Amino acid sequence: MMKRNKNKVILSSIVVLLPMVIGLLIWNQLPKDVATHFSFNGQPDGYSSKEFAVFVLPLIVFVIHLFVSLL
């Protein structure tokens, strides 16, 4: 299935990793802790380090994306 949709997988992989690129571009403007979870009211109630938010979260989404693409 992935061979047949190779271009779509590549394009969607770029989109999934785009937040990492944007995070690197604005690295100096990011606070030490970034809000990563919000309540039903839209108020932040969970924070992560900017390293985790910029690198780890997009990589987790990317791995899940590749796993689902292979299925």
N, C-alpha and C. Protein backbone atom coordinates (compact mmCIF):
# COMPACT_ATOMS: atom_id res chain seq x y z
N MET A 1 0.83 -1.20 0.00
CA MET A 1 0.00 0.00 0.00
C MET A 1 0.87 1.26 0.00
N MET A 2 1.96 1.22 0.76
CA MET A 2 2.80 2.41 0.84
C MET A 2 3.49 2.70 -0.49
N LYS A 3 3.85 1.67 -1.25
CA LYS A 3 4.49 1.90 -2.54
C LYS A 3 3.55 2.65 -3.48
N ARG A 4 2.29 2.28 -3.43
CA ARG A 4 1.31 2.88 -4.32
C ARG A 4 1.07 4.36 -3.97
N ASN A 5 1.19 4.70 -2.71
CA ASN A 5 0.93 6.06 -2.25
C ASN A 5 2.21 6.75 -1.77
N LYS A 6 3.32 6.43 -2.37
CA LYS A 6 4.61 6.94 -1.92
C LYS A 6 4.66 8.46 -1.86
N ASN A 7 4.17 9.13 -2.88
CA ASN A 7 4.19 10.60 -2.91
C ASN A 7 3.32 11.19 -1.81
N LYS A 8 2.17 10.56 -1.55
CA LYS A 8 1.29 11.05 -0.49
C LYS A 8 1.94 10.86 0.88
N VAL A 9 2.63 9.74 1.06
CA VAL A 9 3.30 9.49 2.34
C VAL A 9 4.44 10.48 2.54
N ILE A 10 5.18 10.77 1.50
CA ILE A 10 6.28 11.74 1.60
C ILE A 10 5.73 13.13 1.92
N LEU A 11 4.70 13.55 1.22
CA LEU A 11 4.11 14.86 1.45
C LEU A 11 3.53 14.97 2.86
N SER A 12 2.82 13.95 3.30
CA SER A 12 2.23 14.00 4.64
C SER A 12 3.31 13.91 5.71
N SER A 13 4.42 13.23 5.44
CA SER A 13 5.53 13.19 6.38
C SER A 13 6.15 14.57 6.54
N ILE A 14 6.26 15.30 5.45
CA ILE A 14 6.78 16.67 5.52
C ILE A 14 5.85 17.54 6.36
N VAL A 15 4.56 17.38 6.15
CA VAL A 15 3.58 18.16 6.92
C VAL A 15 3.66 17.81 8.40
N VAL A 16 3.85 16.53 8.71
CA VAL A 16 3.94 16.09 10.11
C VAL A 16 5.19 16.65 10.78
N LEU A 17 6.29 16.78 10.05
CA LEU A 17 7.55 17.27 10.61
C LEU A 17 7.68 18.79 10.52
N LEU A 18 6.77 19.45 9.85
CA LEU A 18 6.83 20.91 9.71
C LEU A 18 6.83 21.66 11.05
N PRO A 19 6.08 21.23 12.06
CA PRO A 19 6.16 21.93 13.35
C PRO A 19 7.57 21.91 13.96
N MET A 20 8.34 20.88 13.69
CA MET A 20 9.71 20.83 14.18
C MET A 20 10.55 21.92 13.51
N VAL A 21 10.37 22.08 12.22
CA VAL A 21 11.11 23.10 11.47
C VAL A 21 10.71 24.49 11.97
N ILE A 22 9.43 24.71 12.15
CA ILE A 22 8.96 26.01 12.64
C ILE A 22 9.48 26.26 14.05
N GLY A 23 9.47 25.22 14.89
CA GLY A 23 10.01 25.36 16.24
C GLY A 23 11.48 25.74 16.25
N LEU A 24 12.24 25.18 15.32
CA LEU A 24 13.65 25.54 15.23
C LEU A 24 13.84 26.98 14.76
N LEU A 25 12.97 27.42 13.86
CA LEU A 25 13.07 28.79 13.35
C LEU A 25 12.75 29.83 14.42
N ILE A 26 11.85 29.50 15.35
CA ILE A 26 11.47 30.45 16.39
C ILE A 26 12.01 30.04 17.76
N TRP A 27 13.04 29.21 17.78
CA TRP A 27 13.59 28.65 19.02
C TRP A 27 13.86 29.71 20.08
N ASN A 28 14.48 30.80 19.73
CA ASN A 28 14.84 31.84 20.70
C ASN A 28 13.62 32.59 21.23
N GLN A 29 12.52 32.54 20.53
CA GLN A 29 11.31 33.22 20.97
C GLN A 29 10.43 32.36 21.86
N LEU A 30 10.69 31.05 21.90
CA LEU A 30 9.88 30.15 22.71
C LEU A 30 10.23 30.28 24.19
N PRO A 31 9.22 30.17 25.06
CA PRO A 31 9.52 30.18 26.48
C PRO A 31 10.16 28.86 26.91
N LYS A 32 10.72 28.83 28.09
CA LYS A 32 11.37 27.61 28.60
C LYS A 32 10.38 26.45 28.66
N ASP A 33 9.16 26.71 29.12
CA ASP A 33 8.10 25.71 29.17
C ASP A 33 6.99 26.12 28.22
N VAL A 34 6.55 25.17 27.39
CA VAL A 34 5.53 25.42 26.37
C VAL A 34 4.26 24.68 26.77
N ALA A 35 3.12 25.35 26.65
CA ALA A 35 1.84 24.71 26.95
C ALA A 35 1.57 23.61 25.93
N THR A 36 1.34 22.40 26.43
CA THR A 36 1.08 21.27 25.53
C THR A 36 -0.24 20.58 25.81
N HIS A 37 -0.96 21.05 26.82
CA HIS A 37 -2.27 20.47 27.12
C HIS A 37 -3.19 21.59 27.58
N PHE A 38 -4.44 21.52 27.15
CA PHE A 38 -5.39 22.59 27.45
C PHE A 38 -6.67 22.00 28.02
N SER A 39 -7.33 22.75 28.92
CA SER A 39 -8.60 22.33 29.51
C SER A 39 -9.73 22.57 28.51
N PHE A 40 -10.93 22.17 28.90
CA PHE A 40 -12.09 22.40 28.03
C PHE A 40 -12.35 23.88 27.82
N ASN A 41 -11.89 24.71 28.75
CA ASN A 41 -12.08 26.16 28.64
C ASN A 41 -11.00 26.82 27.79
N GLY A 42 -10.06 26.06 27.29
CA GLY A 42 -8.99 26.60 26.47
C GLY A 42 -7.82 27.14 27.28
N GLN A 43 -7.82 26.88 28.57
CA GLN A 43 -6.74 27.34 29.44
C GLN A 43 -5.65 26.27 29.50
N PRO A 44 -4.38 26.66 29.40
CA PRO A 44 -3.30 25.66 29.49
C PRO A 44 -3.25 25.04 30.88
N ASP A 45 -3.19 23.71 30.93
CA ASP A 45 -3.07 23.03 32.21
C ASP A 45 -1.98 21.95 32.19
N GLY A 46 -1.17 21.94 31.15
CA GLY A 46 -0.04 21.03 31.07
C GLY A 46 1.08 21.68 30.27
N TYR A 47 2.29 21.58 30.80
CA TYR A 47 3.45 22.21 30.16
C TYR A 47 4.55 21.19 29.93
N SER A 48 5.33 21.41 28.89
CA SER A 48 6.51 20.60 28.59
C SER A 48 7.66 21.54 28.27
N SER A 49 8.87 21.00 28.38
CA SER A 49 10.03 21.81 28.00
C SER A 49 9.96 22.09 26.50
N LYS A 50 10.61 23.17 26.09
CA LYS A 50 10.56 23.49 24.66
C LYS A 50 11.28 22.43 23.84
N GLU A 51 12.29 21.78 24.40
CA GLU A 51 12.97 20.70 23.68
C GLU A 51 12.01 19.55 23.38
N PHE A 52 11.22 19.18 24.40
CA PHE A 52 10.25 18.09 24.24
C PHE A 52 9.18 18.50 23.23
N ALA A 53 8.69 19.72 23.35
CA ALA A 53 7.61 20.18 22.47
C ALA A 53 8.06 20.30 21.02
N VAL A 54 9.31 20.71 20.79
CA VAL A 54 9.78 20.94 19.43
C VAL A 54 10.28 19.66 18.78
N PHE A 55 10.94 18.78 19.54
CA PHE A 55 11.54 17.58 18.94
C PHE A 55 10.75 16.30 19.17
N VAL A 56 10.42 16.01 20.41
CA VAL A 56 9.85 14.71 20.75
C VAL A 56 8.41 14.57 20.26
N LEU A 57 7.57 15.56 20.51
CA LEU A 57 6.17 15.44 20.09
C LEU A 57 6.02 15.25 18.58
N PRO A 58 6.70 16.05 17.75
CA PRO A 58 6.58 15.80 16.30
C PRO A 58 7.15 14.43 15.89
N LEU A 59 8.20 13.98 16.57
CA LEU A 59 8.76 12.66 16.23
C LEU A 59 7.80 11.53 16.61
N ILE A 60 7.10 11.68 17.73
CA ILE A 60 6.10 10.67 18.12
C ILE A 60 5.00 10.61 17.06
N VAL A 61 4.52 11.78 16.65
CA VAL A 61 3.48 11.83 15.62
C VAL A 61 4.00 11.24 14.31
N PHE A 62 5.26 11.51 13.97
CA PHE A 62 5.86 10.98 12.74
C PHE A 62 5.94 9.46 12.77
N VAL A 63 6.36 8.89 13.89
CA VAL A 63 6.45 7.43 14.01
C VAL A 63 5.06 6.81 13.88
N ILE A 64 4.07 7.40 14.54
CA ILE A 64 2.70 6.89 14.42
C ILE A 64 2.23 7.01 12.97
N HIS A 65 2.54 8.11 12.33
CA HIS A 65 2.17 8.32 10.92
C HIS A 65 2.78 7.23 10.03
N LEU A 66 4.07 6.94 10.22
CA LEU A 66 4.70 5.90 9.41
C LEU A 66 4.09 4.52 9.69
N PHE A 67 3.83 4.25 10.96
CA PHE A 67 3.21 2.97 11.34
C PHE A 67 1.86 2.80 10.65
N VAL A 68 1.04 3.83 10.71
CA VAL A 68 -0.29 3.76 10.08
C VAL A 68 -0.15 3.67 8.56
N SER A 69 0.83 4.37 7.99
CA SER A 69 1.03 4.31 6.54
C SER A 69 1.43 2.92 6.09
N LEU A 70 2.19 2.21 6.92
CA LEU A 70 2.60 0.86 6.55
C LEU A 70 1.45 -0.14 6.65
N LEU A 71 0.49 0.16 7.50
CA LEU A 71 -0.66 -0.73 7.60
C LEU A 71 -1.52 -0.55 6.39
